[in-house]
């Protein structure tokens, strides 16, 4: 039976930082997108936590031309911002995202420029790699990204969430690798990342080749998400709680952990160990280690430690 995290269950984590209801409510922006963005609303619900909300609710957060470039600009800014240690991504309105906005994107995809086949192909490749960067930038960002999914997550939404580090969803959520239904192979990350997220090639093949819906209980059992919540409010509280726990740790340790986990995923154990040794020969020379060790010996929470910004 599916294990559902409820609001009341949050109280059992007495030793953890718990978000206030006001902070959770503030994560949904009724004012609309945050300038200069037209598809994203950015907020800061807690110290060192940045919330990125897909904000085209009337269009079911469909991914238009502006979205693909704004995500890159947003996460490049976050990557270099010392005031941010962790990111929460969610969607405004009824669902997380309906995927690509076909009406807005049709000209790019169906009518690429070029005088002959070679030039059309060259320009189409440039468009595809540009769109791939929209989600690769999430993975490249050294700050951990927690994604909170509600309602449905279709097509490009699966590309997005598989580039994130921690995935949560509500009990009514379903996921769909939709691309075969519109006559193409998914080309911006799902076919590359989903097999490494789930681990079952048979299930990945079934989802990608049939476009069937994957519901929350199966998403949890297959490893696509790590927690399922009763509703969006409970999920956002859970996401903010996780983000608060990450933000309270040493940014040197947290960012180094994310970078090395991704490197290890794509390399052999021996290569990963060698990379880790090279990484830590410099990163161990930080005051954060001594501060954290001292707090542990004194049985203090990491939240009591003041770490320098990174």
C-alpha atoms as a PDB file:
ATOM      1  CA  UNK A   1       0.000   0.000   0.000  1.00  0.00           C
ATOM      2  CA  UNK A   2       1.226   3.437  -0.913  1.00  0.00           C
ATOM      3  CA  UNK A   3       2.764   5.289   2.017  1.00  0.00           C
ATOM      4  CA  UNK A   4       1.317   8.793   2.147  1.00  0.00           C
ATOM      5  CA  UNK A   5       2.937  11.606   4.102  1.00  0.00           C
ATOM      6  CA  UNK A   6       0.243  13.736   5.734  1.00  0.00           C
ATOM      7  CA  UNK A   7       0.399  17.112   7.378  1.00  0.00           C
ATOM      8  CA  UNK A   8       0.143  15.568  10.825  1.00  0.00           C
ATOM      9  CA  UNK A   9       3.046  13.284  10.064  1.00  0.00           C
ATOM     10  CA  UNK A  10       5.324  16.293   9.749  1.00  0.00           C
ATOM     11  CA  UNK A  11       5.049  16.887  13.483  1.00  0.00           C
ATOM     12  CA  UNK A  12       6.933  13.679  14.239  1.00  0.00           C
ATOM     13  CA  UNK A  13      10.122  15.297  12.931  1.00  0.00           C
ATOM     14  CA  UNK A  14      10.547  17.239  16.164  1.00  0.00           C
ATOM     15  CA  UNK A  15      14.268  17.686  15.639  1.00  0.00           C
ATOM     16  CA  UNK A  16      13.888  19.118  12.148  1.00  0.00           C
ATOM     17  CA  UNK A  17      13.303  22.622  10.885  1.00  0.00           C
ATOM     18  CA  UNK A  18       9.588  22.901  10.073  1.00  0.00           C
ATOM     19  CA  UNK A  19       8.181  25.501   7.663  1.00  0.00           C
ATOM     20  CA  UNK A  20       5.443  27.837   8.807  1.00  0.00           C
ATOM     21  CA  UNK A  21       2.098  27.875   7.010  1.00  0.00           C
ATOM     22  CA  UNK A  22       2.819  31.465   6.005  1.00  0.00           C
ATOM     23  CA  UNK A  23       6.050  30.393   4.317  1.00  0.00           C
ATOM     24  CA  UNK A  24       4.253  27.610   2.450  1.00  0.00           C
ATOM     25  CA  UNK A  25       1.473  29.934   1.282  1.00  0.00           C
ATOM     26  CA  UNK A  26       4.047  32.514   0.169  1.00  0.00           C
ATOM     27  CA  UNK A  27       5.483  29.940  -2.249  1.00  0.00           C
ATOM     28  CA  UNK A  28       2.447  30.355  -4.514  1.00  0.00           C
ATOM     29  CA  UNK A  29       2.658  33.694  -6.292  1.00  0.00           C
ATOM     30  CA  UNK A  30      -0.746  35.264  -7.110  1.00  0.00           C
ATOM     31  CA  UNK A  31       1.085  38.282  -8.533  1.00  0.00           C
ATOM     32  CA  UNK A  32       2.318  36.332 -11.534  1.00  0.00           C
ATOM     33  CA  UNK A  33       5.797  35.867 -13.019  1.00  0.00           C
ATOM     34  CA  UNK A  34       8.787  37.726 -11.572  1.00  0.00           C
ATOM     35  CA  UNK A  35      10.332  40.278 -13.983  1.00  0.00           C
ATOM     36  CA  UNK A  36      12.311  39.947 -16.156  1.00  0.00           C
ATOM     37  CA  UNK A  37      10.784  36.470 -16.478  1.00  0.00           C
ATOM     38  CA  UNK A  38       7.419  35.906 -18.144  1.00  0.00           C
ATOM     39  CA  UNK A  39       7.012  32.200 -17.327  1.00  0.00           C
ATOM     40  CA  UNK A  40       8.644  31.875 -13.886  1.00  0.00           C
ATOM     41  CA  UNK A  41       7.850  33.273 -10.443  1.00  0.00           C
ATOM     42  CA  UNK A  42      10.856  33.501  -8.118  1.00  0.00           C
ATOM     43  CA  UNK A  43      10.567  33.783  -4.330  1.00  0.00           C
ATOM     44  CA  UNK A  44      12.683  33.183  -1.226  1.00  0.00           C
ATOM     45  CA  UNK A  45      10.477  31.417   1.346  1.00  0.00           C
ATOM     46  CA  UNK A  46      13.331  30.774   3.795  1.00  0.00           C
ATOM     47  CA  UNK A  47      16.957  31.711   4.307  1.00  0.00           C
ATOM     48  CA  UNK A  48      19.188  30.347   1.526  1.00  0.00           C
ATOM     49  CA  UNK A  49      16.146  28.737  -0.187  1.00  0.00           C
ATOM     50  CA  UNK A  50      15.014  29.847  -3.655  1.00  0.00           C
ATOM     51  CA  UNK A  51      11.622  28.820  -5.022  1.00  0.00           C
ATOM     52  CA  UNK A  52      11.191  28.657  -8.803  1.00  0.00           C
ATOM     53  CA  UNK A  53       7.542  28.295  -9.819  1.00  0.00           C
ATOM     54  CA  UNK A  54       6.458  27.497 -13.378  1.00  0.00           C
ATOM     55  CA  UNK A  55       3.887  30.237 -13.821  1.00  0.00           C
ATOM     56  CA  UNK A  56       1.599  29.935 -16.811  1.00  0.00           C
ATOM     57  CA  UNK A  57      -1.397  28.481 -14.941  1.00  0.00           C
ATOM     58  CA  UNK A  58      -3.968  29.473 -17.583  1.00  0.00           C
ATOM     59  CA  UNK A  59      -1.910  27.495 -20.116  1.00  0.00           C
ATOM     60  CA  UNK A  60      -1.315  24.600 -17.699  1.00  0.00           C
ATOM     61  CA  UNK A  61       2.332  25.714 -17.444  1.00  0.00           C
ATOM     62  CA  UNK A  62       2.936  24.629 -21.030  1.00  0.00           C
ATOM     63  CA  UNK A  63       6.511  25.316 -22.107  1.00  0.00           C
ATOM     64  CA  UNK A  64       6.562  28.138 -24.661  1.00  0.00           C
ATOM     65  CA  UNK A  65       9.566  29.726 -26.410  1.00  0.00           C
ATOM     66  CA  UNK A  66      10.230  32.139 -23.548  1.00  0.00           C
ATOM     67  CA  UNK A  67      10.307  29.327 -20.982  1.00  0.00           C
ATOM     68  CA  UNK A  68      13.183  27.492 -22.676  1.00  0.00           C
ATOM     69  CA  UNK A  69      15.527  30.480 -22.453  1.00  0.00           C
ATOM     70  CA  UNK A  70      14.266  31.819 -19.107  1.00  0.00           C
ATOM     71  CA  UNK A  71      15.050  28.565 -17.308  1.00  0.00           C
ATOM     72  CA  UNK A  72      18.657  28.788 -18.496  1.00  0.00           C
ATOM     73  CA  UNK A  73      18.989  32.410 -17.354  1.00  0.00           C
ATOM     74  CA  UNK A  74      17.323  31.642 -14.023  1.00  0.00           C
ATOM     75  CA  UNK A  75      19.486  28.647 -13.100  1.00  0.00           C
ATOM     76  CA  UNK A  76      22.693  30.276 -14.284  1.00  0.00           C
ATOM     77  CA  UNK A  77      21.922  33.145 -11.895  1.00  0.00           C
ATOM     78  CA  UNK A  78      21.088  30.730  -9.073  1.00  0.00           C
ATOM     79  CA  UNK A  79      24.309  28.762  -9.643  1.00  0.00           C
ATOM     80  CA  UNK A  80      26.429  31.823  -8.910  1.00  0.00           C
ATOM     81  CA  UNK A  81      24.281  33.325  -6.146  1.00  0.00           C
ATOM     82  CA  UNK A  82      25.846  32.817  -2.677  1.00  0.00           C
ATOM     83  CA  UNK A  83      22.481  33.644  -1.075  1.00  0.00           C
ATOM     84  CA  UNK A  84      21.039  30.410  -2.484  1.00  0.00           C
ATOM     85  CA  UNK A  85      21.989  26.962  -1.189  1.00  0.00           C
ATOM     86  CA  UNK A  86      19.008  24.918  -2.392  1.00  0.00           C
ATOM     87  CA  UNK A  87      16.186  25.293  -4.921  1.00  0.00           C
ATOM     88  CA  UNK A  88      12.550  24.155  -4.838  1.00  0.00           C
ATOM     89  CA  UNK A  89      10.742  23.894  -8.192  1.00  0.00           C
ATOM     90  CA  UNK A  90       6.954  23.636  -8.469  1.00  0.00           C
ATOM     91  CA  UNK A  91       4.085  24.572 -10.780  1.00  0.00           C
ATOM     92  CA  UNK A  92       1.289  27.108 -10.333  1.00  0.00           C
ATOM     93  CA  UNK A  93      -2.352  26.225 -10.906  1.00  0.00           C
ATOM     94  CA  UNK A  94      -4.075  22.902 -11.482  1.00  0.00           C
ATOM     95  CA  UNK A  95      -1.096  20.833 -12.679  1.00  0.00           C
ATOM     96  CA  UNK A  96       2.696  20.859 -12.712  1.00  0.00           C
ATOM     97  CA  UNK A  97       3.020  21.105 -16.513  1.00  0.00           C
ATOM     98  CA  UNK A  98       1.310  19.987 -19.706  1.00  0.00           C
ATOM     99  CA  UNK A  99       4.702  19.823 -21.414  1.00  0.00           C
ATOM    100  CA  UNK A 100       5.695  21.579 -24.624  1.00  0.00           C
ATOM    101  CA  UNK A 101       3.433  24.349 -25.935  1.00  0.00           C
ATOM    102  CA  UNK A 102       2.937  22.928 -29.435  1.00  0.00           C
ATOM    103  CA  UNK A 103       1.117  25.972 -30.793  1.00  0.00           C
ATOM    104  CA  UNK A 104       3.907  28.329 -29.732  1.00  0.00           C
ATOM    105  CA  UNK A 105       6.771  26.039 -30.671  1.00  0.00           C
ATOM    106  CA  UNK A 106       5.494  24.720 -34.005  1.00  0.00           C
ATOM    107  CA  UNK A 107       7.464  27.130 -36.184  1.00  0.00           C
ATOM    108  CA  UNK A 108      10.789  26.185 -34.570  1.00  0.00           C
ATOM    109  CA  UNK A 109      10.171  22.452 -34.741  1.00  0.00           C
ATOM    110  CA  UNK A 110       8.210  22.033 -37.981  1.00  0.00           C
ATOM    111  CA  UNK A 111       9.619  24.865 -40.091  1.00  0.00           C
ATOM    112  CA  UNK A 112      13.353  25.188 -39.378  1.00  0.00           C
ATOM    113  CA  UNK A 113      15.272  27.559 -41.632  1.00  0.00           C
ATOM    114  CA  UNK A 114      17.747  26.405 -44.279  1.00  0.00           C
ATOM    115  CA  UNK A 115      18.294  26.354 -48.037  1.00  0.00           C
ATOM    116  CA  UNK A 116      18.855  22.605 -48.286  1.00  0.00           C
ATOM    117  CA  UNK A 117      18.704  19.416 -46.216  1.00  0.00           C
ATOM    118  CA  UNK A 118      22.150  19.934 -44.705  1.00  0.00           C
ATOM    119  CA  UNK A 119      21.392  23.492 -43.572  1.00  0.00           C
ATOM    120  CA  UNK A 120      17.921  22.632 -42.302  1.00  0.00           C
ATOM    121  CA  UNK A 121      19.441  19.742 -40.330  1.00  0.00           C
ATOM    122  CA  UNK A 122      22.220  21.927 -38.962  1.00  0.00           C
ATOM    123  CA  UNK A 123      19.752  24.567 -37.766  1.00  0.00           C
ATOM    124  CA  UNK A 124      17.414  21.961 -36.293  1.00  0.00           C
ATOM    125  CA  UNK A 125      20.303  20.450 -34.359  1.00  0.00           C
ATOM    126  CA  UNK A 126      21.100  23.904 -32.931  1.00  0.00           C
ATOM    127  CA  UNK A 127      17.478  24.242 -31.787  1.00  0.00           C
ATOM    128  CA  UNK A 128      17.440  20.795 -30.158  1.00  0.00           C
ATOM    129  CA  UNK A 129      20.716  21.336 -28.280  1.00  0.00           C
ATOM    130  CA  UNK A 130      19.447  24.735 -27.100  1.00  0.00           C
ATOM    131  CA  UNK A 131      16.344  23.076 -25.671  1.00  0.00           C
ATOM    132  CA  UNK A 132      18.444  20.322 -24.076  1.00  0.00           C
ATOM    133  CA  UNK A 133      20.376  22.975 -22.147  1.00  0.00           C
ATOM    134  CA  UNK A 134      17.102  24.164 -20.561  1.00  0.00           C
ATOM    135  CA  UNK A 135      17.103  21.076 -18.349  1.00  0.00           C
ATOM    136  CA  UNK A 136      20.811  20.268 -18.325  1.00  0.00           C
ATOM    137  CA  UNK A 137      21.347  23.620 -16.601  1.00  0.00           C
ATOM    138  CA  UNK A 138      19.376  22.258 -13.620  1.00  0.00           C
ATOM    139  CA  UNK A 139      21.710  19.282 -13.368  1.00  0.00           C
ATOM    140  CA  UNK A 140      24.795  21.476 -13.832  1.00  0.00           C
ATOM    141  CA  UNK A 141      23.676  23.867 -11.077  1.00  0.00           C
ATOM    142  CA  UNK A 142      25.734  22.944  -7.969  1.00  0.00           C
ATOM    143  CA  UNK A 143      22.790  23.804  -5.694  1.00  0.00           C
ATOM    144  CA  UNK A 144      20.526  20.783  -5.005  1.00  0.00           C
ATOM    145  CA  UNK A 145      17.110  21.038  -6.669  1.00  0.00           C
ATOM    146  CA  UNK A 146      13.958  19.626  -5.044  1.00  0.00           C
ATOM    147  CA  UNK A 147      11.017  19.360  -7.448  1.00  0.00           C
ATOM    148  CA  UNK A 148       7.438  19.174  -6.155  1.00  0.00           C
ATOM    149  CA  UNK A 149       4.954  17.780  -8.698  1.00  0.00           C
ATOM    150  CA  UNK A 150       1.164  17.885  -8.485  1.00  0.00           C
ATOM    151  CA  UNK A 151      -1.649  16.957 -10.850  1.00  0.00           C
ATOM    152  CA  UNK A 152       0.106  15.816 -13.990  1.00  0.00           C
ATOM    153  CA  UNK A 153       3.614  15.947 -15.426  1.00  0.00           C
ATOM    154  CA  UNK A 154       3.588  15.413 -19.170  1.00  0.00           C
ATOM    155  CA  UNK A 155       6.248  15.236 -21.876  1.00  0.00           C
ATOM    156  CA  UNK A 156       8.805  17.972 -21.230  1.00  0.00           C
ATOM    157  CA  UNK A 157       7.836  17.872 -17.559  1.00  0.00           C
ATOM    158  CA  UNK A 158       9.456  14.436 -17.276  1.00  0.00           C
ATOM    159  CA  UNK A 159      12.587  15.826 -18.947  1.00  0.00           C
ATOM    160  CA  UNK A 160      12.608  18.580 -16.310  1.00  0.00           C
ATOM    161  CA  UNK A 161      12.080  16.470 -13.193  1.00  0.00           C
ATOM    162  CA  UNK A 162      14.644  13.817 -14.136  1.00  0.00           C
ATOM    163  CA  UNK A 163      17.289  16.571 -14.141  1.00  0.00           C
ATOM    164  CA  UNK A 164      16.393  17.422 -10.514  1.00  0.00           C
ATOM    165  CA  UNK A 165      17.994  15.855  -7.448  1.00  0.00           C
ATOM    166  CA  UNK A 166      14.977  15.063  -5.245  1.00  0.00           C
ATOM    167  CA  UNK A 167      11.478  14.406  -6.597  1.00  0.00           C
ATOM    168  CA  UNK A 168       8.233  14.636  -4.616  1.00  0.00           C
ATOM    169  CA  UNK A 169       4.619  14.364  -5.759  1.00  0.00           C
ATOM    170  CA  UNK A 170       1.021  14.421  -4.570  1.00  0.00           C
ATOM    171  CA  UNK A 171      -1.176  11.340  -4.414  1.00  0.00           C
ATOM    172  CA  UNK A 172      -3.187  12.403  -7.468  1.00  0.00           C
ATOM    173  CA  UNK A 173      -0.142  12.935  -9.712  1.00  0.00           C
ATOM    174  CA  UNK A 174       0.504  11.049 -12.929  1.00  0.00           C
ATOM    175  CA  UNK A 175       3.521  11.165 -15.242  1.00  0.00           C
ATOM    176  CA  UNK A 176       3.638  10.574 -18.991  1.00  0.00           C
ATOM    177  CA  UNK A 177       6.460  10.317 -21.524  1.00  0.00           C
ATOM    178  CA  UNK A 178       4.200  11.703 -24.233  1.00  0.00           C
ATOM    179  CA  UNK A 179       6.548  12.213 -27.177  1.00  0.00           C
ATOM    180  CA  UNK A 180       5.744   9.057 -29.182  1.00  0.00           C
ATOM    181  CA  UNK A 181       2.112  10.170 -29.267  1.00  0.00           C
ATOM    182  CA  UNK A 182       3.109  13.280 -31.201  1.00  0.00           C
ATOM    183  CA  UNK A 183       5.409  11.450 -33.598  1.00  0.00           C
ATOM    184  CA  UNK A 184       8.876  11.981 -32.164  1.00  0.00           C
ATOM    185  CA  UNK A 185      11.416  10.460 -29.807  1.00  0.00           C
ATOM    186  CA  UNK A 186      11.940  12.459 -26.585  1.00  0.00           C
ATOM    187  CA  UNK A 187      15.063  14.498 -27.265  1.00  0.00           C
ATOM    188  CA  UNK A 188      15.767  16.819 -24.319  1.00  0.00           C
ATOM    189  CA  UNK A 189      16.715  14.417 -21.531  1.00  0.00           C
ATOM    190  CA  UNK A 190      14.091  11.804 -20.627  1.00  0.00           C
ATOM    191  CA  UNK A 191      15.611   8.927 -22.636  1.00  0.00           C
ATOM    192  CA  UNK A 192      19.050   9.671 -21.170  1.00  0.00           C
ATOM    193  CA  UNK A 193      18.131  10.347 -17.519  1.00  0.00           C
ATOM    194  CA  UNK A 194      15.022   8.282 -16.798  1.00  0.00           C
ATOM    195  CA  UNK A 195      16.864   4.917 -17.135  1.00  0.00           C
ATOM    196  CA  UNK A 196      19.343   6.100 -14.489  1.00  0.00           C
ATOM    197  CA  UNK A 197      16.596   7.385 -12.200  1.00  0.00           C
ATOM    198  CA  UNK A 198      14.345   4.319 -12.269  1.00  0.00           C
ATOM    199  CA  UNK A 199      16.876   1.557 -12.939  1.00  0.00           C
ATOM    200  CA  UNK A 200      14.399  -0.786 -14.655  1.00  0.00           C
ATOM    201  CA  UNK A 201      15.045  -0.791 -18.393  1.00  0.00           C
ATOM    202  CA  UNK A 202      11.837  -2.747 -18.976  1.00  0.00           C
ATOM    203  CA  UNK A 203       9.698  -0.125 -17.232  1.00  0.00           C
ATOM    204  CA  UNK A 204      11.509   2.769 -18.936  1.00  0.00           C
ATOM    205  CA  UNK A 205      11.033   1.110 -22.326  1.00  0.00           C
ATOM    206  CA  UNK A 206       7.337   0.517 -21.637  1.00  0.00           C
ATOM    207  CA  UNK A 207       6.721   4.110 -20.569  1.00  0.00           C
ATOM    208  CA  UNK A 208       8.686   5.621 -23.465  1.00  0.00           C
ATOM    209  CA  UNK A 209       7.292   3.318 -26.179  1.00  0.00           C
ATOM    210  CA  UNK A 210       3.613   3.289 -25.148  1.00  0.00           C
ATOM    211  CA  UNK A 211       3.187   6.761 -23.551  1.00  0.00           C
ATOM    212  CA  UNK A 212       1.079   5.196 -20.813  1.00  0.00           C
ATOM    213  CA  UNK A 213       0.498   7.120 -17.604  1.00  0.00           C
ATOM    214  CA  UNK A 214       2.561   6.343 -14.502  1.00  0.00           C
ATOM    215  CA  UNK A 215       0.604   7.056 -11.331  1.00  0.00           C
ATOM    216  CA  UNK A 216       1.950   8.155  -7.952  1.00  0.00           C
ATOM    217  CA  UNK A 217       2.025   4.741  -6.293  1.00  0.00           C
ATOM    218  CA  UNK A 218       4.045   3.200  -9.135  1.00  0.00           C
ATOM    219  CA  UNK A 219       6.241   6.310  -9.350  1.00  0.00           C
ATOM    220  CA  UNK A 220       7.093   5.812  -5.665  1.00  0.00           C
ATOM    221  CA  UNK A 221       7.723   2.062  -5.924  1.00  0.00           C
ATOM    222  CA  UNK A 222       9.879   2.479  -9.050  1.00  0.00           C
ATOM    223  CA  UNK A 223      12.005   5.217  -7.487  1.00  0.00           C
ATOM    224  CA  UNK A 224      10.928   8.114  -9.712  1.00  0.00           C
ATOM    225  CA  UNK A 225       9.820   9.977  -6.575  1.00  0.00           C
ATOM    226  CA  UNK A 226      10.967   9.507  -2.991  1.00  0.00           C
ATOM    227  CA  UNK A 227       7.849  10.758  -1.191  1.00  0.00           C
ATOM    228  CA  UNK A 228       4.125  11.030  -1.914  1.00  0.00           C
ATOM    229  CA  UNK A 229       1.905  13.555  -0.110  1.00  0.00           C
ATOM    230  CA  UNK A 230      -1.846  13.854   0.321  1.00  0.00           C
ATOM    231  CA  UNK A 231      -2.155  17.233  -1.384  1.00  0.00           C
ATOM    232  CA  UNK A 232      -0.150  20.150  -2.733  1.00  0.00           C
ATOM    233  CA  UNK A 233      -0.072  22.105   0.532  1.00  0.00           C
ATOM    234  CA  UNK A 234       1.375  19.147   2.427  1.00  0.00           C
ATOM    235  CA  UNK A 235       3.852  18.516  -0.394  1.00  0.00           C
ATOM    236  CA  UNK A 236       5.071  22.128  -0.441  1.00  0.00           C
ATOM    237  CA  UNK A 237       5.540  21.989   3.340  1.00  0.00           C
ATOM    238  CA  UNK A 238       7.531  18.783   2.889  1.00  0.00           C
ATOM    239  CA  UNK A 239       9.623  20.267   0.087  1.00  0.00           C
ATOM    240  CA  UNK A 240      10.389  23.347   2.168  1.00  0.00           C
ATOM    241  CA  UNK A 241      11.316  21.159   5.127  1.00  0.00           C
ATOM    242  CA  UNK A 242      13.786  19.155   3.017  1.00  0.00           C
ATOM    243  CA  UNK A 243      15.190  22.363   1.549  1.00  0.00           C
ATOM    244  CA  UNK A 244      15.648  23.805   5.037  1.00  0.00           C
ATOM    245  CA  UNK A 245      17.582  20.746   6.136  1.00  0.00           C
ATOM    246  CA  UNK A 246      19.898  21.000   3.119  1.00  0.00           C
ATOM    247  CA  UNK A 247      20.358  24.757   3.518  1.00  0.00           C
ATOM    248  CA  UNK A 248      21.457  24.266   7.131  1.00  0.00           C
ATOM    249  CA  UNK A 249      24.436  22.132   6.090  1.00  0.00           C
ATOM    250  CA  UNK A 250      27.839  23.303   4.880  1.00  0.00           C
ATOM    251  CA  UNK A 251      27.493  24.581   1.305  1.00  0.00           C
ATOM    252  CA  UNK A 252      30.970  23.218   0.594  1.00  0.00           C
ATOM    253  CA  UNK A 253      29.826  19.745   1.641  1.00  0.00           C
ATOM    254  CA  UNK A 254      26.409  19.932  -0.024  1.00  0.00           C
ATOM    255  CA  UNK A 255      27.557  21.227  -3.399  1.00  0.00           C
ATOM    256  CA  UNK A 256      30.537  18.863  -3.437  1.00  0.00           C
ATOM    257  CA  UNK A 257      28.178  15.966  -2.716  1.00  0.00           C
ATOM    258  CA  UNK A 258      25.862  16.825  -5.619  1.00  0.00           C
ATOM    259  CA  UNK A 259      28.725  17.276  -8.080  1.00  0.00           C
ATOM    260  CA  UNK A 260      30.333  13.970  -7.102  1.00  0.00           C
ATOM    261  CA  UNK A 261      27.052  12.033  -7.146  1.00  0.00           C
ATOM    262  CA  UNK A 262      26.433  13.126 -10.733  1.00  0.00           C
ATOM    263  CA  UNK A 263      30.028  12.351 -11.731  1.00  0.00           C
ATOM    264  CA  UNK A 264      29.791   8.894 -10.124  1.00  0.00           C
ATOM    265  CA  UNK A 265      26.537   8.173 -11.986  1.00  0.00           C
ATOM    266  CA  UNK A 266      28.266   8.654 -15.346  1.00  0.00           C
ATOM    267  CA  UNK A 267      31.641   7.010 -14.550  1.00  0.00           C
ATOM    268  CA  UNK A 268      33.076   3.804 -13.124  1.00  0.00           C
ATOM    269  CA  UNK A 269      33.605   3.327  -9.383  1.00  0.00           C
ATOM    270  CA  UNK A 270      37.364   3.676  -9.828  1.00  0.00           C
ATOM    271  CA  UNK A 271      36.977   6.905 -11.795  1.00  0.00           C
ATOM    272  CA  UNK A 272      34.529   8.244  -9.224  1.00  0.00           C
ATOM    273  CA  UNK A 273      36.889   7.505  -6.347  1.00  0.00           C
ATOM    274  CA  UNK A 274      39.775   9.186  -8.136  1.00  0.00           C
ATOM    275  CA  UNK A 275      37.665  12.258  -8.867  1.00  0.00           C
ATOM    276  CA  UNK A 276      36.542  12.329  -5.222  1.00  0.00           C
ATOM    277  CA  UNK A 277      40.120  12.196  -3.969  1.00  0.00           C
ATOM    278  CA  UNK A 278      41.091  15.077  -6.221  1.00  0.00           C
ATOM    279  CA  UNK A 279      38.025  17.013  -5.122  1.00  0.00           C
ATOM    280  CA  UNK A 280      38.489  16.594  -1.392  1.00  0.00           C
ATOM    281  CA  UNK A 281      42.244  17.211  -1.358  1.00  0.00           C
ATOM    282  CA  UNK A 282      41.254  20.867  -1.587  1.00  0.00           C
ATOM    283  CA  UNK A 283      37.713  20.905  -0.213  1.00  0.00           C
ATOM    284  CA  UNK A 284      38.728  19.279   3.082  1.00  0.00           C
ATOM    285  CA  UNK A 285      40.744  22.413   3.760  1.00  0.00           C
ATOM    286  CA  UNK A 286      37.681  24.314   4.939  1.00  0.00           C
ATOM    287  CA  UNK A 287      36.629  25.615   8.332  1.00  0.00           C
ATOM    288  CA  UNK A 288      33.276  23.918   7.754  1.00  0.00           C
ATOM    289  CA  UNK A 289      34.736  20.520   8.679  1.00  0.00           C
ATOM    290  CA  UNK A 290      36.021  21.714  12.046  1.00  0.00           C
ATOM    291  CA  UNK A 291      32.810  23.619  12.777  1.00  0.00           C
ATOM    292  CA  UNK A 292      30.651  20.606  11.930  1.00  0.00           C
ATOM    293  CA  UNK A 293      32.811  18.182  13.914  1.00  0.00           C
ATOM    294  CA  UNK A 294      32.760  20.438  16.961  1.00  0.00           C
ATOM    295  CA  UNK A 295      28.980  20.775  16.792  1.00  0.00           C
ATOM    296  CA  UNK A 296      28.627  16.987  16.532  1.00  0.00           C
ATOM    297  CA  UNK A 297      30.859  16.426  19.573  1.00  0.00           C
ATOM    298  CA  UNK A 298      28.811  18.963  21.510  1.00  0.00           C
ATOM    299  CA  UNK A 299      25.595  17.255  20.318  1.00  0.00           C
ATOM    300  CA  UNK A 300      24.410  20.454  18.628  1.00  0.00           C
ATOM    301  CA  UNK A 301      22.296  20.640  15.485  1.00  0.00           C
ATOM    302  CA  UNK A 302      23.990  21.708  12.223  1.00  0.00           C
ATOM    303  CA  UNK A 303      21.459  24.545  12.222  1.00  0.00           C
ATOM    304  CA  UNK A 304      23.378  26.197  15.046  1.00  0.00           C
ATOM    305  CA  UNK A 305      26.486  26.569  12.843  1.00  0.00           C
ATOM    306  CA  UNK A 306      27.127  29.727  10.843  1.00  0.00           C
ATOM    307  CA  UNK A 307      28.799  28.766   7.566  1.00  0.00           C
ATOM    308  CA  UNK A 308      30.438  31.281   5.250  1.00  0.00           C
ATOM    309  CA  UNK A 309      28.599  31.891   1.990  1.00  0.00           C
ATOM    310  CA  UNK A 310      29.754  30.096  -1.125  1.00  0.00           C
END
